C-alpha atoms as a PDB file:
ATOM      1  CA  MET A   1       9.285  -8.446 -12.669  1.00  0.00           C
ATOM      2  CA  GLY A   2       8.279  -7.319  -9.213  1.00  0.00           C
ATOM      3  CA  ALA A   3       5.074  -5.692  -7.446  1.00  0.00           C
ATOM      4  CA  ARG A   4       4.040  -2.209  -7.203  1.00  0.00           C
ATOM      5  CA  LEU A   5       2.960   0.143  -3.971  1.00  0.00           C
ATOM      6  CA  VAL A   6       0.640   3.033  -5.252  1.00  0.00           C
ATOM      7  CA  PHE A   7       0.399   6.050  -2.752  1.00  0.00           C
ATOM      8  CA  LEU A   8      -2.647   8.349  -3.508  1.00  0.00           C
ATOM      9  CA  GLY A   9      -3.356  11.563  -1.663  1.00  0.00           C
ATOM     10  CA  ARG A  10      -1.275  12.553   1.849  1.00  0.00           C
ATOM     11  CA  LEU A  11       0.389   9.177   1.615  1.00  0.00           C
ATOM     12  CA  GLU A  12       2.334  10.597  -1.484  1.00  0.00           C
ATOM     13  CA  ASP A  13       3.685  12.945   0.239  1.00  0.00           C
ATOM     14  CA  VAL A  14       4.445  10.372   3.024  1.00  0.00           C
ATOM     15  CA  ALA A  15       6.332   7.684   0.676  1.00  0.00           C
ATOM     16  CA  GLY A  16       8.047  10.946  -1.146  1.00  0.00           C
ATOM     17  CA  ALA A  17       6.748   9.392  -4.544  1.00  0.00           C
ATOM     18  CA  ASP A  18       3.594   8.311  -5.877  1.00  0.00           C
ATOM     19  CA  ALA A  19       4.720   4.760  -6.209  1.00  0.00           C
ATOM     20  CA  ARG A  20       7.552   2.210  -5.528  1.00  0.00           C
ATOM     21  CA  ASP A  21       8.251  -1.123  -6.830  1.00  0.00           C
ATOM     22  CA  VAL A  22       8.783  -3.823  -4.332  1.00  0.00           C
ATOM     23  CA  ALA A  23      10.043  -7.443  -4.083  1.00  0.00           C
ATOM     24  CA  PRO A  24       6.643  -9.606  -4.480  1.00  0.00           C
ATOM     25  CA  GLY A  25       5.897 -11.784  -0.951  1.00  0.00           C
ATOM     26  CA  PRO A  26       3.138 -11.521   2.017  1.00  0.00           C
ATOM     27  CA  LEU A  27       1.958  -7.705   2.405  1.00  0.00           C
ATOM     28  CA  ALA A  28       3.490  -7.754   6.324  1.00  0.00           C
ATOM     29  CA  ASP A  29       7.099  -8.752   4.885  1.00  0.00           C
ATOM     30  CA  VAL A  30       6.694  -6.061   2.068  1.00  0.00           C
ATOM     31  CA  LEU A  31       5.941  -3.504   4.730  1.00  0.00           C
ATOM     32  CA  ALA A  32       8.898  -4.486   7.107  1.00  0.00           C
ATOM     33  CA  ARG A  33      11.284  -3.587   4.368  1.00  0.00           C
ATOM     34  CA  LEU A  34       9.779  -0.239   4.089  1.00  0.00           C
ATOM     35  CA  GLU A  35      10.550   2.774   6.316  1.00  0.00           C
ATOM     36  CA  PRO A  36       8.492   2.487   9.394  1.00  0.00           C
ATOM     37  CA  THR A  37       7.175   5.700  10.033  1.00  0.00           C
ATOM     38  CA  LEU A  38       5.759   5.138   6.282  1.00  0.00           C
ATOM     39  CA  ALA A  39       4.674   1.516   7.158  1.00  0.00           C
ATOM     40  CA  VAL A  40       2.672   2.950  10.323  1.00  0.00           C
ATOM     41  CA  GLU A  41       1.169   5.202   7.895  1.00  0.00           C
ATOM     42  CA  LEU A  42       0.009   2.589   5.455  1.00  0.00           C
ATOM     43  CA  LEU A  43      -1.554   0.590   8.276  1.00  0.00           C
ATOM     44  CA  GLY A  44      -3.455   3.495   9.604  1.00  0.00           C
ATOM     45  CA  GLU A  45      -7.150   2.259  10.907  1.00  0.00           C
ATOM     46  CA  ARG A  46      -9.221   4.382   8.055  1.00  0.00           C
ATOM     47  CA  VAL A  47      -6.545   3.456   5.246  1.00  0.00           C
ATOM     48  CA  ARG A  48      -8.173   1.269   2.689  1.00  0.00           C
ATOM     49  CA  MET A  49      -6.380  -0.717   0.136  1.00  0.00           C
ATOM     50  CA  ALA A  50      -7.062  -2.148  -3.291  1.00  0.00           C
ATOM     51  CA  LEU A  51      -5.236  -5.111  -5.071  1.00  0.00           C
ATOM     52  CA  ASN A  52      -5.099  -4.948  -8.626  1.00  0.00           C
ATOM     53  CA  GLY A  53      -8.246  -2.509  -8.872  1.00  0.00           C
ATOM     54  CA  ARG A  54     -10.344  -4.116  -6.207  1.00  0.00           C
ATOM     55  CA  LEU A  55     -11.050  -2.736  -2.632  1.00  0.00           C
ATOM     56  CA  ILE A  56     -10.174  -5.304  -0.111  1.00  0.00           C
ATOM     57  CA  ALA A  57     -11.288  -5.663   3.763  1.00  0.00           C
ATOM     58  CA  GLU A  58      -9.049  -7.840   4.868  1.00  0.00           C
ATOM     59  CA  THR A  59      -5.541  -7.726   4.693  1.00  0.00           C
ATOM     60  CA  GLY A  60      -3.938 -10.526   6.494  1.00  0.00           C
ATOM     61  CA  GLY A  61      -3.772 -13.097   4.155  1.00  0.00           C
ATOM     62  CA  VAL A  62      -2.853 -11.042   1.258  1.00  0.00           C
ATOM     63  CA  VAL A  63       0.625 -12.143  -0.915  1.00  0.00           C
ATOM     64  CA  LEU A  64       1.980  -9.721  -3.815  1.00  0.00           C
ATOM     65  CA  GLY A  65       2.941 -11.738  -6.851  1.00  0.00           C
ATOM     66  CA  ASP A  66       4.882 -10.264 -10.280  1.00  0.00           C
ATOM     67  CA  GLY A  67       2.524  -7.696 -11.526  1.00  0.00           C
ATOM     68  CA  ASP A  68       0.347  -7.322  -8.682  1.00  0.00           C
ATOM     69  CA  GLU A  69      -0.418  -3.487  -7.659  1.00  0.00           C
ATOM     70  CA  LEU A  70      -1.624  -2.311  -4.039  1.00  0.00           C
ATOM     71  CA  ALA A  71      -2.916   0.696  -4.123  1.00  0.00           C
ATOM     72  CA  PHE A  72      -3.010   2.982  -0.413  1.00  0.00           C
ATOM     73  CA  LEU A  73      -6.175   5.020  -0.326  1.00  0.00           C
ATOM     74  CA  PRO A  74      -6.140   7.556   2.523  1.00  0.00           C
ATOM     75  CA  PRO A  75      -9.243   8.844   3.894  1.00  0.00           C
ATOM     76  CA  VAL A  76     -11.129  11.680   2.074  1.00  0.00           C
ATOM     77  CA  SER A  77     -13.008  14.732   3.138  1.00  0.00           C
ATOM     78  CA  GLY A  78     -15.007  17.192   1.357  1.00  0.00           C
ATOM     79  CA  GLY A  79     -18.143  18.627   1.202  1.00  0.00           C
END
């Protein structure tokens, strides 16, 4: 089955798609298999992550399992 990465806002442009299916595993391993430019953007200080619809503050222990969805949310500006 696998896991899914979802890219929102400008991150979709960097990734070249709105989502990508990946092999499950520790987040560090998943990111290491991506293009270096994309991985650096996803790990940006202001990028937030939501695992299965819930915002997560700490990513150190994140392990993606089959069917998990990890969304990357870039900073938003507006008025």
